[in-house]
Amino acid sequence: MSESTSIVADRIVLTLPRDERLHGVATLVLGGIGSRFELAYEKVDDLQLAVLSVMAASDRDSVTIEVDVDDERVDASVGPLPEHSASDRALRTVVDRLVDSVESSERENATGEREEWITLRLVRDTPATH
C-alpha cells in the first residue's frame, strides 16, 4: 500500500475599509486561519503584525487581504498599495523579520490601472512523524 500525499489548498479573501478600528477583523481572520491549519502561535503573531504593517502602507479607501494556504506554506497578499511600497525601507525592515519571504507584484484593476501588491510568505513547519 502506498502512502498518498494530501494537499490542502484554501483561499480566503477579505476586503476592509482602511479604518484602523477594523484591523482587529484582519487579525481575527488570520488567527482563525492559523488555528485551523495548526500554525505555531509565534508564526501567526508574526503574520498578523506583518499584514497590519503592510495594510498601514495603503492609501486607498479599502485594502484587500488574500490568504492562500496549502500543505507547505501560507501566502498573504495585501493590496492595492502605493507605487514602490515594497521598496520602502522602513516597511521592509519590519516585514522581512516577520515572514520567510516578501514579494512584490503588479496587478491590473477593473479600470486597467496597474496596482502594487505585497505577498508575505510563511513556510509551514512540517509535523514530526512518530
N, C-alpha and C. Protein backbone atom coordinates (compact mmCIF):
# COMPACT_ATOMS: atom_id res chain seq x y z
N MET A 1 0.85 -1.17 0.00
CA MET A 1 0.00 0.00 0.00
C MET A 1 0.90 1.23 0.00
N SER A 2 0.67 2.13 -0.92
CA SER A 2 1.49 3.33 -0.98
C SER A 2 0.86 4.46 -0.18
N GLU A 3 1.72 5.30 0.34
CA GLU A 3 1.24 6.43 1.13
C GLU A 3 0.86 7.56 0.19
N SER A 4 -0.32 8.12 0.35
CA SER A 4 -0.73 9.22 -0.52
C SER A 4 -0.39 10.55 0.13
N THR A 5 -0.14 11.52 -0.71
CA THR A 5 0.16 12.86 -0.24
C THR A 5 -1.10 13.70 -0.31
N SER A 6 -1.41 14.35 0.79
CA SER A 6 -2.60 15.19 0.85
C SER A 6 -2.19 16.64 0.70
N ILE A 7 -2.81 17.30 -0.25
CA ILE A 7 -2.54 18.72 -0.41
C ILE A 7 -3.83 19.47 -0.10
N VAL A 8 -3.77 20.26 0.94
CA VAL A 8 -4.90 21.08 1.34
C VAL A 8 -4.65 22.47 0.77
N ALA A 9 -5.59 22.99 0.03
CA ALA A 9 -5.42 24.33 -0.52
C ALA A 9 -6.70 25.11 -0.27
N ASP A 10 -6.56 26.26 0.33
CA ASP A 10 -7.68 27.13 0.61
C ASP A 10 -7.30 28.56 0.30
N ARG A 11 -8.30 29.35 -0.05
CA ARG A 11 -8.11 30.78 -0.28
C ARG A 11 -9.18 31.54 0.48
N ILE A 12 -8.72 32.53 1.23
CA ILE A 12 -9.62 33.40 1.96
C ILE A 12 -9.36 34.82 1.47
N VAL A 13 -10.41 35.54 1.11
CA VAL A 13 -10.26 36.91 0.62
C VAL A 13 -11.08 37.82 1.54
N LEU A 14 -10.43 38.86 2.04
CA LEU A 14 -11.06 39.79 2.96
C LEU A 14 -10.77 41.21 2.50
N THR A 15 -11.80 41.99 2.24
CA THR A 15 -11.63 43.39 1.87
C THR A 15 -12.23 44.24 2.98
N LEU A 16 -11.42 45.16 3.49
CA LEU A 16 -11.83 46.00 4.62
C LEU A 16 -11.61 47.47 4.31
N PRO A 17 -12.46 48.33 4.85
CA PRO A 17 -12.14 49.77 4.79
C PRO A 17 -10.81 49.98 5.52
N ARG A 18 -10.07 50.98 5.15
CA ARG A 18 -8.75 51.23 5.72
C ARG A 18 -8.80 51.67 7.18
N ASP A 19 -9.94 51.90 7.71
CA ASP A 19 -10.14 52.36 9.08
C ASP A 19 -9.42 51.44 10.07
N GLU A 20 -8.55 52.02 10.89
CA GLU A 20 -7.77 51.24 11.85
C GLU A 20 -8.64 50.48 12.84
N ARG A 21 -9.83 50.95 13.09
CA ARG A 21 -10.72 50.26 14.02
C ARG A 21 -11.10 48.87 13.52
N LEU A 22 -10.93 48.63 12.22
CA LEU A 22 -11.29 47.33 11.64
C LEU A 22 -10.08 46.41 11.49
N HIS A 23 -8.91 46.85 11.90
CA HIS A 23 -7.73 46.00 11.81
C HIS A 23 -7.88 44.75 12.66
N GLY A 24 -8.66 44.84 13.73
CA GLY A 24 -8.92 43.67 14.57
C GLY A 24 -9.60 42.55 13.81
N VAL A 25 -10.41 42.90 12.80
CA VAL A 25 -11.06 41.89 11.98
C VAL A 25 -10.00 41.10 11.21
N ALA A 26 -9.01 41.81 10.67
CA ALA A 26 -7.93 41.13 9.94
C ALA A 26 -7.15 40.20 10.86
N THR A 27 -6.83 40.66 12.07
CA THR A 27 -6.08 39.80 12.98
C THR A 27 -6.92 38.60 13.42
N LEU A 28 -8.22 38.79 13.58
CA LEU A 28 -9.10 37.69 13.94
C LEU A 28 -9.14 36.63 12.84
N VAL A 29 -9.27 37.07 11.61
CA VAL A 29 -9.31 36.13 10.48
C VAL A 29 -7.97 35.39 10.36
N LEU A 30 -6.86 36.11 10.46
CA LEU A 30 -5.55 35.47 10.37
C LEU A 30 -5.33 34.49 11.53
N GLY A 31 -5.82 34.85 12.71
CA GLY A 31 -5.73 33.94 13.85
C GLY A 31 -6.54 32.68 13.63
N GLY A 32 -7.70 32.82 13.04
CA GLY A 32 -8.53 31.66 12.72
C GLY A 32 -7.87 30.75 11.70
N ILE A 33 -7.25 31.36 10.70
CA ILE A 33 -6.51 30.57 9.70
C ILE A 33 -5.37 29.82 10.37
N GLY A 34 -4.65 30.52 11.23
CA GLY A 34 -3.54 29.88 11.94
C GLY A 34 -4.00 28.71 12.79
N SER A 35 -5.13 28.87 13.45
CA SER A 35 -5.67 27.81 14.29
C SER A 35 -6.12 26.62 13.44
N ARG A 36 -6.83 26.92 12.37
CA ARG A 36 -7.34 25.84 11.51
C ARG A 36 -6.22 25.02 10.90
N PHE A 37 -5.13 25.69 10.53
CA PHE A 37 -4.03 24.99 9.88
C PHE A 37 -2.87 24.68 10.83
N GLU A 38 -3.16 24.79 12.13
CA GLU A 38 -2.22 24.40 13.18
C GLU A 38 -0.85 25.06 13.04
N LEU A 39 -0.85 26.37 12.78
CA LEU A 39 0.40 27.11 12.73
C LEU A 39 0.84 27.43 14.16
N ALA A 40 2.12 27.51 14.35
CA ALA A 40 2.65 27.87 15.67
C ALA A 40 2.16 29.28 16.03
N TYR A 41 1.88 29.49 17.30
CA TYR A 41 1.38 30.78 17.78
C TYR A 41 2.30 31.92 17.33
N GLU A 42 3.60 31.74 17.45
CA GLU A 42 4.57 32.78 17.09
C GLU A 42 4.47 33.14 15.61
N LYS A 43 4.26 32.13 14.76
CA LYS A 43 4.13 32.40 13.32
C LYS A 43 2.87 33.18 13.02
N VAL A 44 1.78 32.82 13.69
CA VAL A 44 0.52 33.55 13.49
C VAL A 44 0.69 35.00 13.93
N ASP A 45 1.29 35.20 15.07
CA ASP A 45 1.53 36.54 15.60
C ASP A 45 2.39 37.36 14.63
N ASP A 46 3.44 36.75 14.11
CA ASP A 46 4.32 37.44 13.16
C ASP A 46 3.57 37.79 11.87
N LEU A 47 2.76 36.86 11.38
CA LEU A 47 1.98 37.12 10.16
C LEU A 47 0.99 38.24 10.38
N GLN A 48 0.31 38.24 11.53
CA GLN A 48 -0.64 39.31 11.83
C GLN A 48 0.05 40.67 11.83
N LEU A 49 1.19 40.77 12.49
CA LEU A 49 1.92 42.03 12.54
C LEU A 49 2.40 42.46 11.16
N ALA A 50 2.88 41.52 10.37
CA ALA A 50 3.35 41.84 9.02
C ALA A 50 2.20 42.35 8.15
N VAL A 51 1.06 41.67 8.20
CA VAL A 51 -0.10 42.09 7.41
C VAL A 51 -0.58 43.47 7.84
N LEU A 52 -0.68 43.70 9.13
CA LEU A 52 -1.11 45.02 9.62
C LEU A 52 -0.13 46.11 9.19
N SER A 53 1.15 45.81 9.18
CA SER A 53 2.16 46.79 8.75
C SER A 53 1.99 47.14 7.27
N VAL A 54 1.71 46.14 6.45
CA VAL A 54 1.51 46.40 5.03
C VAL A 54 0.19 47.14 4.81
N MET A 55 -0.86 46.75 5.55
CA MET A 55 -2.14 47.45 5.43
C MET A 55 -1.99 48.94 5.74
N ALA A 56 -1.16 49.26 6.71
CA ALA A 56 -0.96 50.66 7.11
C ALA A 56 -0.31 51.47 5.99
N ALA A 57 0.35 50.81 5.05
CA ALA A 57 1.00 51.50 3.94
C ALA A 57 0.01 51.88 2.84
N SER A 58 -1.20 51.33 2.88
CA SER A 58 -2.17 51.61 1.83
C SER A 58 -2.71 53.03 1.95
N ASP A 59 -2.95 53.63 0.81
CA ASP A 59 -3.55 54.96 0.78
C ASP A 59 -4.94 54.94 0.15
N ARG A 60 -5.49 53.74 -0.03
CA ARG A 60 -6.79 53.58 -0.65
C ARG A 60 -7.89 53.58 0.41
N ASP A 61 -9.14 53.67 -0.03
CA ASP A 61 -10.27 53.63 0.88
C ASP A 61 -10.43 52.25 1.51
N SER A 62 -10.02 51.22 0.77
CA SER A 62 -10.11 49.85 1.30
C SER A 62 -8.86 49.08 0.91
N VAL A 63 -8.63 48.02 1.64
CA VAL A 63 -7.48 47.17 1.37
C VAL A 63 -7.97 45.72 1.37
N THR A 64 -7.37 44.90 0.51
CA THR A 64 -7.76 43.51 0.40
C THR A 64 -6.61 42.62 0.86
N ILE A 65 -6.97 41.58 1.59
CA ILE A 65 -6.02 40.57 2.03
C ILE A 65 -6.47 39.25 1.42
N GLU A 66 -5.60 38.62 0.65
CA GLU A 66 -5.88 37.31 0.07
C GLU A 66 -4.92 36.32 0.72
N VAL A 67 -5.45 35.33 1.39
CA VAL A 67 -4.61 34.35 2.07
C VAL A 67 -4.79 33.00 1.37
N ASP A 68 -3.68 32.47 0.88
CA ASP A 68 -3.66 31.15 0.26
C ASP A 68 -2.86 30.22 1.15
N VAL A 69 -3.46 29.09 1.50
CA VAL A 69 -2.82 28.14 2.40
C VAL A 69 -2.78 26.77 1.73
N ASP A 70 -1.62 26.13 1.79
CA ASP A 70 -1.53 24.73 1.36
C ASP A 70 -0.67 23.99 2.36
N ASP A 71 -0.32 22.77 2.05
CA ASP A 71 0.42 21.94 3.00
C ASP A 71 1.81 22.49 3.32
N GLU A 72 2.35 23.33 2.45
CA GLU A 72 3.72 23.79 2.62
C GLU A 72 3.87 25.23 3.09
N ARG A 73 2.89 26.07 2.79
CA ARG A 73 3.09 27.49 3.10
C ARG A 73 1.78 28.24 3.24
N VAL A 74 1.92 29.45 3.77
CA VAL A 74 0.82 30.41 3.88
C VAL A 74 1.29 31.67 3.17
N ASP A 75 0.53 32.11 2.18
CA ASP A 75 0.81 33.35 1.46
C ASP A 75 -0.31 34.35 1.76
N ALA A 76 0.06 35.53 2.22
CA ALA A 76 -0.91 36.59 2.45
C ALA A 76 -0.55 37.76 1.54
N SER A 77 -1.39 38.01 0.54
CA SER A 77 -1.17 39.12 -0.39
C SER A 77 -2.03 40.29 0.05
N VAL A 78 -1.43 41.47 0.10
CA VAL A 78 -2.12 42.67 0.58
C VAL A 78 -2.00 43.75 -0.49
N GLY A 79 -3.13 44.40 -0.77
CA GLY A 79 -3.10 45.47 -1.75
C GLY A 79 -4.49 46.06 -1.93
N PRO A 80 -4.65 47.01 -2.79
CA PRO A 80 -3.59 47.68 -3.54
C PRO A 80 -2.83 48.66 -2.65
N LEU A 81 -1.59 48.91 -3.05
CA LEU A 81 -0.70 49.77 -2.28
C LEU A 81 -0.14 50.87 -3.17
N PRO A 82 0.38 51.93 -2.57
CA PRO A 82 1.03 52.96 -3.38
C PRO A 82 2.25 52.39 -4.11
N GLU A 83 2.54 52.95 -5.24
CA GLU A 83 3.70 52.52 -6.03
C GLU A 83 4.97 52.56 -5.18
N HIS A 84 5.79 51.55 -5.33
CA HIS A 84 7.08 51.41 -4.64
C HIS A 84 6.97 51.10 -3.16
N SER A 85 5.82 50.64 -2.71
CA SER A 85 5.67 50.28 -1.29
C SER A 85 6.62 49.17 -0.89
N ALA A 86 6.80 48.21 -1.79
CA ALA A 86 7.66 47.07 -1.46
C ALA A 86 9.11 47.47 -1.27
N SER A 87 9.50 48.60 -1.84
CA SER A 87 10.88 49.04 -1.67
C SER A 87 11.04 50.07 -0.55
N ASP A 88 9.95 50.37 0.15
CA ASP A 88 10.02 51.28 1.28
C ASP A 88 10.88 50.64 2.37
N ARG A 89 11.96 51.29 2.69
CA ARG A 89 12.96 50.72 3.60
C ARG A 89 12.38 50.41 4.99
N ALA A 90 11.59 51.31 5.53
CA ALA A 90 11.03 51.11 6.87
C ALA A 90 10.08 49.91 6.88
N LEU A 91 9.21 49.83 5.88
CA LEU A 91 8.28 48.71 5.81
C LEU A 91 9.03 47.39 5.64
N ARG A 92 10.01 47.36 4.75
CA ARG A 92 10.77 46.12 4.53
C ARG A 92 11.54 45.70 5.77
N THR A 93 12.05 46.66 6.54
CA THR A 93 12.77 46.33 7.77
C THR A 93 11.87 45.56 8.72
N VAL A 94 10.61 45.96 8.80
CA VAL A 94 9.65 45.28 9.68
C VAL A 94 9.28 43.91 9.13
N VAL A 95 8.76 43.87 7.90
CA VAL A 95 8.19 42.62 7.40
C VAL A 95 9.24 41.55 7.10
N ASP A 96 10.43 41.96 6.68
CA ASP A 96 11.48 40.96 6.39
C ASP A 96 11.84 40.13 7.62
N ARG A 97 11.67 40.70 8.80
CA ARG A 97 11.99 39.99 10.04
C ARG A 97 10.85 39.11 10.54
N LEU A 98 9.67 39.31 9.99
CA LEU A 98 8.49 38.61 10.49
C LEU A 98 8.08 37.39 9.66
N VAL A 99 8.40 37.42 8.38
CA VAL A 99 7.97 36.34 7.49
C VAL A 99 9.18 35.76 6.76
N ASP A 100 8.97 34.62 6.11
CA ASP A 100 10.07 33.95 5.43
C ASP A 100 10.47 34.61 4.12
N SER A 101 9.51 35.21 3.42
CA SER A 101 9.85 35.95 2.20
C SER A 101 8.78 36.99 1.91
N VAL A 102 9.20 38.01 1.16
CA VAL A 102 8.33 39.11 0.77
C VAL A 102 8.49 39.30 -0.74
N GLU A 103 7.37 39.33 -1.45
CA GLU A 103 7.41 39.52 -2.90
C GLU A 103 6.47 40.65 -3.29
N SER A 104 6.88 41.42 -4.27
CA SER A 104 6.06 42.49 -4.80
C SER A 104 5.54 42.07 -6.17
N SER A 105 4.32 42.46 -6.48
CA SER A 105 3.77 42.18 -7.81
C SER A 105 2.85 43.32 -8.20
N GLU A 106 2.58 43.38 -9.50
CA GLU A 106 1.62 44.35 -10.01
C GLU A 106 0.42 43.60 -10.56
N ARG A 107 -0.74 44.17 -10.32
CA ARG A 107 -1.98 43.61 -10.85
C ARG A 107 -2.75 44.72 -11.55
N GLU A 108 -3.52 44.32 -12.52
CA GLU A 108 -4.37 45.29 -13.22
C GLU A 108 -5.73 45.31 -12.55
N ASN A 109 -6.21 46.52 -12.23
CA ASN A 109 -7.53 46.62 -11.61
C ASN A 109 -8.63 46.69 -12.69
N ALA A 110 -9.85 46.86 -12.27
CA ALA A 110 -11.00 46.86 -13.19
C ALA A 110 -10.94 47.98 -14.22
N THR A 111 -10.25 49.07 -13.88
CA THR A 111 -10.17 50.20 -14.83
C THR A 111 -8.90 50.15 -15.67
N GLY A 112 -8.13 49.07 -15.55
CA GLY A 112 -6.93 48.91 -16.35
C GLY A 112 -5.67 49.52 -15.74
N GLU A 113 -5.80 50.10 -14.55
CA GLU A 113 -4.63 50.68 -13.89
C GLU A 113 -3.82 49.57 -13.24
N ARG A 114 -2.49 49.77 -13.19
CA ARG A 114 -1.60 48.83 -12.52
C ARG A 114 -1.52 49.20 -11.04
N GLU A 115 -1.61 48.19 -10.16
CA GLU A 115 -1.55 48.41 -8.72
C GLU A 115 -0.50 47.48 -8.11
N GLU A 116 0.16 47.97 -7.08
CA GLU A 116 1.16 47.15 -6.40
C GLU A 116 0.52 46.34 -5.28
N TRP A 117 0.96 45.11 -5.13
CA TRP A 117 0.56 44.20 -4.07
C TRP A 117 1.82 43.63 -3.45
N ILE A 118 1.76 43.31 -2.17
CA ILE A 118 2.87 42.65 -1.49
C ILE A 118 2.37 41.31 -0.97
N THR A 119 3.14 40.26 -1.25
CA THR A 119 2.82 38.92 -0.75
C THR A 119 3.82 38.54 0.33
N LEU A 120 3.29 38.18 1.48
CA LEU A 120 4.08 37.75 2.63
C LEU A 120 3.96 36.23 2.73
N ARG A 121 5.08 35.53 2.80
CA ARG A 121 5.05 34.07 2.82
C ARG A 121 5.64 33.52 4.11
N LEU A 122 4.91 32.57 4.69
CA LEU A 122 5.41 31.77 5.81
C LEU A 122 5.49 30.34 5.35
N VAL A 123 6.62 29.71 5.59
CA VAL A 123 6.77 28.29 5.30
C VAL A 123 6.25 27.54 6.50
N ARG A 124 5.34 26.61 6.27
CA ARG A 124 4.74 25.86 7.37
C ARG A 124 5.72 24.84 7.90
N ASP A 125 5.73 24.68 9.21
CA ASP A 125 6.53 23.64 9.84
C ASP A 125 5.93 22.30 9.48
N THR A 126 6.79 21.34 9.17
CA THR A 126 6.27 20.01 8.89
C THR A 126 6.08 19.26 10.19
N PRO A 127 4.97 18.60 10.35
CA PRO A 127 4.71 17.88 11.60
C PRO A 127 5.72 16.74 11.77
N ALA A 128 6.08 16.51 13.01
CA ALA A 128 7.01 15.42 13.30
C ALA A 128 6.32 14.09 13.07
N THR A 129 7.06 13.13 12.54
CA THR A 129 6.50 11.80 12.33
C THR A 129 6.86 10.92 13.51
N HIS A 130 5.93 10.09 13.89
CA HIS A 130 6.15 9.22 15.06
C HIS A 130 6.33 7.80 14.61
